[in-house]
Amino acid sequence: QMLMFFVRTQQPHEWRSPAYRFSKRQAKAFRELIAVVEVVVEEEEEEVEGEG
């Protein structure tokens, strides 16, 4: 749940949410995490497409 909170608050959105800013170090770690997750998701999508 905490990870989803950070993901939601760091993306542009229309709804009201708590203001939360990462420190530079946290922002760098967050960007790196998102990059790794995107690679994993792309690999899984390719795997699913190959099955069909």
PDB file of N, CA and C in Angstrom:
ATOM      1  N   GLN A   1       0.813  -1.187   0.000  1.00  0.00           N
ATOM      2  CA  GLN A   1       0.000   0.000   0.000  1.00  0.00           C
ATOM      3  C   GLN A   1       0.863   1.261   0.000  1.00  0.00           C
ATOM      4  N   MET A   2       1.967   1.193   0.696  1.00  0.00           N
ATOM      5  CA  MET A   2       2.821   2.386   0.734  1.00  0.00           C
ATOM      6  C   MET A   2       3.413   2.674  -0.637  1.00  0.00           C
ATOM      7  N   LEU A   3       3.819   1.628  -1.344  1.00  0.00           N
ATOM      8  CA  LEU A   3       4.382   1.829  -2.673  1.00  0.00           C
ATOM      9  C   LEU A   3       3.350   2.480  -3.590  1.00  0.00           C
ATOM     10  N   MET A   4       2.112   2.020  -3.533  1.00  0.00           N
ATOM     11  CA  MET A   4       1.065   2.614  -4.368  1.00  0.00           C
ATOM     12  C   MET A   4       0.822   4.074  -3.996  1.00  0.00           C
ATOM     13  N   PHE A   5       0.917   4.408  -2.728  1.00  0.00           N
ATOM     14  CA  PHE A   5       0.780   5.805  -2.309  1.00  0.00           C
ATOM     15  C   PHE A   5       1.830   6.658  -3.011  1.00  0.00           C
ATOM     16  N   PHE A   6       3.072   6.193  -2.992  1.00  0.00           N
ATOM     17  CA  PHE A   6       4.141   6.969  -3.612  1.00  0.00           C
ATOM     18  C   PHE A   6       3.954   7.066  -5.121  1.00  0.00           C
ATOM     19  N   VAL A   7       3.564   5.968  -5.746  1.00  0.00           N
ATOM     20  CA  VAL A   7       3.345   5.998  -7.196  1.00  0.00           C
ATOM     21  C   VAL A   7       2.249   7.000  -7.533  1.00  0.00           C
ATOM     22  N   ARG A   8       1.134   6.941  -6.812  1.00  0.00           N
ATOM     23  CA  ARG A   8       0.013   7.852  -7.099  1.00  0.00           C
ATOM     24  C   ARG A   8       0.377   9.311  -6.851  1.00  0.00           C
ATOM     25  N   THR A   9       1.118   9.593  -5.786  1.00  0.00           N
ATOM     26  CA  THR A   9       1.403  10.993  -5.465  1.00  0.00           C
ATOM     27  C   THR A   9       2.499  11.586  -6.340  1.00  0.00           C
ATOM     28  N   GLN A  10       3.259  10.759  -7.039  1.00  0.00           N
ATOM     29  CA  GLN A  10       4.335  11.275  -7.874  1.00  0.00           C
ATOM     30  C   GLN A  10       3.911  11.485  -9.324  1.00  0.00           C
ATOM     31  N   GLN A  11       2.749  10.984  -9.691  1.00  0.00           N
ATOM     32  CA  GLN A  11       2.247  11.143 -11.052  1.00  0.00           C
ATOM     33  C   GLN A  11       1.290  12.330 -11.108  1.00  0.00           C
ATOM     34  N   PRO A  12       1.254  13.043 -12.242  1.00  0.00           N
ATOM     35  CA  PRO A  12       0.279  14.133 -12.376  1.00  0.00           C
ATOM     36  C   PRO A  12      -1.142  13.567 -12.254  1.00  0.00           C
ATOM     37  N   HIS A  13      -2.013  14.274 -11.539  1.00  0.00           N
ATOM     38  CA  HIS A  13      -3.381  13.810 -11.376  1.00  0.00           C
ATOM     39  C   HIS A  13      -4.299  14.979 -11.056  1.00  0.00           C
ATOM     40  N   GLU A  14      -5.590  14.734 -11.236  1.00  0.00           N
ATOM     41  CA  GLU A  14      -6.609  15.772 -11.076  1.00  0.00           C
ATOM     42  C   GLU A  14      -7.185  15.832  -9.660  1.00  0.00           C
ATOM     43  N   TRP A  15      -7.081  14.737  -8.914  1.00  0.00           N
ATOM     44  CA  TRP A  15      -7.717  14.684  -7.601  1.00  0.00           C
ATOM     45  C   TRP A  15      -6.824  15.263  -6.507  1.00  0.00           C
ATOM     46  N   ARG A  16      -7.464  15.589  -5.375  1.00  0.00           N
ATOM     47  CA  ARG A  16      -6.722  16.118  -4.230  1.00  0.00           C
ATOM     48  C   ARG A  16      -5.999  14.972  -3.538  1.00  0.00           C
ATOM     49  N   SER A  17      -4.764  15.197  -3.205  1.00  0.00           N
ATOM     50  CA  SER A  17      -3.997  14.186  -2.482  1.00  0.00           C
ATOM     51  C   SER A  17      -2.950  14.896  -1.631  1.00  0.00           C
ATOM     52  N   PRO A  18      -2.417  14.191  -0.662  1.00  0.00           N
ATOM     53  CA  PRO A  18      -1.398  14.823   0.183  1.00  0.00           C
ATOM     54  C   PRO A  18      -0.190  15.249  -0.654  1.00  0.00           C
ATOM     55  N   ALA A  19       0.335  16.402  -0.346  1.00  0.00           N
ATOM     56  CA  ALA A  19       1.550  16.845  -1.033  1.00  0.00           C
ATOM     57  C   ALA A  19       2.719  16.059  -0.461  1.00  0.00           C
ATOM     58  N   TYR A  20       3.436  15.386  -1.312  1.00  0.00           N
ATOM     59  CA  TYR A  20       4.594  14.638  -0.845  1.00  0.00           C
ATOM     60  C   TYR A  20       5.706  14.814  -1.854  1.00  0.00           C
ATOM     61  N   ARG A  21       6.832  15.267  -1.395  1.00  0.00           N
ATOM     62  CA  ARG A  21       7.997  15.461  -2.257  1.00  0.00           C
ATOM     63  C   ARG A  21       9.120  14.561  -1.771  1.00  0.00           C
ATOM     64  N   PHE A  22       9.737  13.869  -2.715  1.00  0.00           N
ATOM     65  CA  PHE A  22      10.897  13.053  -2.383  1.00  0.00           C
ATOM     66  C   PHE A  22      12.126  13.935  -2.219  1.00  0.00           C
ATOM     67  N   SER A  23      13.063  13.459  -1.420  1.00  0.00           N
ATOM     68  CA  SER A  23      14.381  14.089  -1.397  1.00  0.00           C
ATOM     69  C   SER A  23      15.053  13.710  -2.724  1.00  0.00           C
ATOM     70  N   LYS A  24      16.170  14.324  -3.055  1.00  0.00           N
ATOM     71  CA  LYS A  24      16.861  13.983  -4.307  1.00  0.00           C
ATOM     72  C   LYS A  24      17.231  12.506  -4.339  1.00  0.00           C
ATOM     73  N   ARG A  25      17.705  12.006  -3.223  1.00  0.00           N
ATOM     74  CA  ARG A  25      18.097  10.593  -3.145  1.00  0.00           C
ATOM     75  C   ARG A  25      16.883   9.677  -3.320  1.00  0.00           C
ATOM     76  N   GLN A  26      15.785  10.013  -2.673  1.00  0.00           N
ATOM     77  CA  GLN A  26      14.565   9.221  -2.811  1.00  0.00           C
ATOM     78  C   GLN A  26      14.035   9.274  -4.243  1.00  0.00           C
ATOM     79  N   ALA A  27      14.084  10.450  -4.857  1.00  0.00           N
ATOM     80  CA  ALA A  27      13.595  10.603  -6.232  1.00  0.00           C
ATOM     81  C   ALA A  27      14.412   9.747  -7.194  1.00  0.00           C
ATOM     82  N   LYS A  28      15.713   9.719  -7.003  1.00  0.00           N
ATOM     83  CA  LYS A  28      16.585   8.897  -7.853  1.00  0.00           C
ATOM     84  C   LYS A  28      16.244   7.418  -7.680  1.00  0.00           C
ATOM     85  N   ALA A  29      16.094   6.975  -6.451  1.00  0.00           N
ATOM     86  CA  ALA A  29      15.750   5.576  -6.188  1.00  0.00           C
ATOM     87  C   ALA A  29      14.382   5.237  -6.779  1.00  0.00           C
ATOM     88  N   PHE A  30      13.431   6.164  -6.679  1.00  0.00           N
ATOM     89  CA  PHE A  30      12.091   5.944  -7.222  1.00  0.00           C
ATOM     90  C   PHE A  30      12.145   5.809  -8.744  1.00  0.00           C
ATOM     91  N   ARG A  31      12.896   6.691  -9.405  1.00  0.00           N
ATOM     92  CA  ARG A  31      13.035   6.608 -10.872  1.00  0.00           C
ATOM     93  C   ARG A  31      13.659   5.276 -11.281  1.00  0.00           C
ATOM     94  N   GLU A  32      14.671   4.831 -10.537  1.00  0.00           N
ATOM     95  CA  GLU A  32      15.323   3.558 -10.843  1.00  0.00           C
ATOM     96  C   GLU A  32      14.348   2.393 -10.653  1.00  0.00           C
ATOM     97  N   LEU A  33      13.554   2.442  -9.598  1.00  0.00           N
ATOM     98  CA  LEU A  33      12.556   1.405  -9.352  1.00  0.00           C
ATOM     99  C   LEU A  33      11.553   1.347 -10.500  1.00  0.00           C
ATOM    100  N   ILE A  34      11.046   2.487 -10.910  1.00  0.00           N
ATOM    101  CA  ILE A  34      10.064   2.534 -11.998  1.00  0.00           C
ATOM    102  C   ILE A  34      10.672   1.988 -13.288  1.00  0.00           C
ATOM    103  N   ALA A  35      11.923   2.302 -13.573  1.00  0.00           N
ATOM    104  CA  ALA A  35      12.584   1.807 -14.781  1.00  0.00           C
ATOM    105  C   ALA A  35      12.669   0.280 -14.768  1.00  0.00           C
ATOM    106  N   VAL A  36      13.012  -0.290 -13.634  1.00  0.00           N
ATOM    107  CA  VAL A  36      13.105  -1.752 -13.524  1.00  0.00           C
ATOM    108  C   VAL A  36      11.726  -2.383 -13.687  1.00  0.00           C
ATOM    109  N   VAL A  37      10.731  -1.802 -13.063  1.00  0.00           N
ATOM    110  CA  VAL A  37       9.367  -2.330 -13.160  1.00  0.00           C
ATOM    111  C   VAL A  37       8.884  -2.278 -14.608  1.00  0.00           C
ATOM    112  N   GLU A  38       9.177  -1.201 -15.321  1.00  0.00           N
ATOM    113  CA  GLU A  38       8.753  -1.088 -16.716  1.00  0.00           C
ATOM    114  C   GLU A  38       9.371  -2.186 -17.569  1.00  0.00           C
ATOM    115  N   VAL A  39      10.638  -2.520 -17.327  1.00  0.00           N
ATOM    116  CA  VAL A  39      11.300  -3.591 -18.075  1.00  0.00           C
ATOM    117  C   VAL A  39      10.610  -4.924 -17.798  1.00  0.00           C
ATOM    118  N   VAL A  40      10.325  -5.198 -16.542  1.00  0.00           N
ATOM    119  CA  VAL A  40       9.663  -6.452 -16.172  1.00  0.00           C
ATOM    120  C   VAL A  40       8.286  -6.541 -16.824  1.00  0.00           C
ATOM    121  N   VAL A  41       7.532  -5.462 -16.792  1.00  0.00           N
ATOM    122  CA  VAL A  41       6.194  -5.459 -17.393  1.00  0.00           C
ATOM    123  C   VAL A  41       6.293  -5.701 -18.897  1.00  0.00           C
ATOM    124  N   GLU A  42       7.222  -5.043 -19.569  1.00  0.00           N
ATOM    125  CA  GLU A  42       7.391  -5.237 -21.011  1.00  0.00           C
ATOM    126  C   GLU A  42       7.742  -6.685 -21.325  1.00  0.00           C
ATOM    127  N   GLU A  43       8.631  -7.283 -20.535  1.00  0.00           N
ATOM    128  CA  GLU A  43       9.014  -8.677 -20.762  1.00  0.00           C
ATOM    129  C   GLU A  43       7.817  -9.602 -20.580  1.00  0.00           C
ATOM    130  N   GLU A  44       7.018  -9.356 -19.563  1.00  0.00           N
ATOM    131  CA  GLU A  44       5.840 -10.189 -19.327  1.00  0.00           C
ATOM    132  C   GLU A  44       4.810 -10.016 -20.434  1.00  0.00           C
ATOM    133  N   GLU A  45       4.643  -8.798 -20.941  1.00  0.00           N
ATOM    134  CA  GLU A  45       3.701  -8.568 -22.038  1.00  0.00           C
ATOM    135  C   GLU A  45       4.156  -9.304 -23.288  1.00  0.00           C
ATOM    136  N   GLU A  46       5.453  -9.294 -23.567  1.00  0.00           N
ATOM    137  CA  GLU A  46       5.982 -10.008 -24.725  1.00  0.00           C
ATOM    138  C   GLU A  46       5.773 -11.509 -24.569  1.00  0.00           C
ATOM    139  N   GLU A  47       5.940 -12.004 -23.351  1.00  0.00           N
ATOM    140  CA  GLU A  47       5.740 -13.416 -23.069  1.00  0.00           C
ATOM    141  C   GLU A  47       4.289 -13.813 -23.333  1.00  0.00           C
ATOM    142  N   VAL A  48       3.361 -12.994 -22.884  1.00  0.00           N
ATOM    143  CA  VAL A  48       1.934 -13.268 -23.075  1.00  0.00           C
ATOM    144  C   VAL A  48       1.592 -13.224 -24.560  1.00  0.00           C
ATOM    145  N   GLU A  49       2.132 -12.260 -25.292  1.00  0.00           N
ATOM    146  CA  GLU A  49       1.863 -12.150 -26.726  1.00  0.00           C
ATOM    147  C   GLU A  49       2.396 -13.372 -27.467  1.00  0.00           C
ATOM    148  N   GLY A  50       3.520 -13.909 -27.022  1.00  0.00           N
ATOM    149  CA  GLY A  50       4.105 -15.086 -27.654  1.00  0.00           C
ATOM    150  C   GLY A  50       3.283 -16.345 -27.432  1.00  0.00           C
ATOM    151  N   GLU A  51       2.485 -16.366 -26.379  1.00  0.00           N
ATOM    152  CA  GLU A  51       1.655 -17.532 -26.078  1.00  0.00           C
ATOM    153  C   GLU A  51       0.403 -17.571 -26.946  1.00  0.00           C
ATOM    154  N   GLY A  52      -0.014 -16.426 -27.440  1.00  0.00           N
ATOM    155  CA  GLY A  52      -1.289 -16.334 -28.161  1.00  0.00           C
ATOM    156  C   GLY A  52      -1.181 -16.586 -29.565  1.00  0.00           C
TER     157      GLY A  52
END
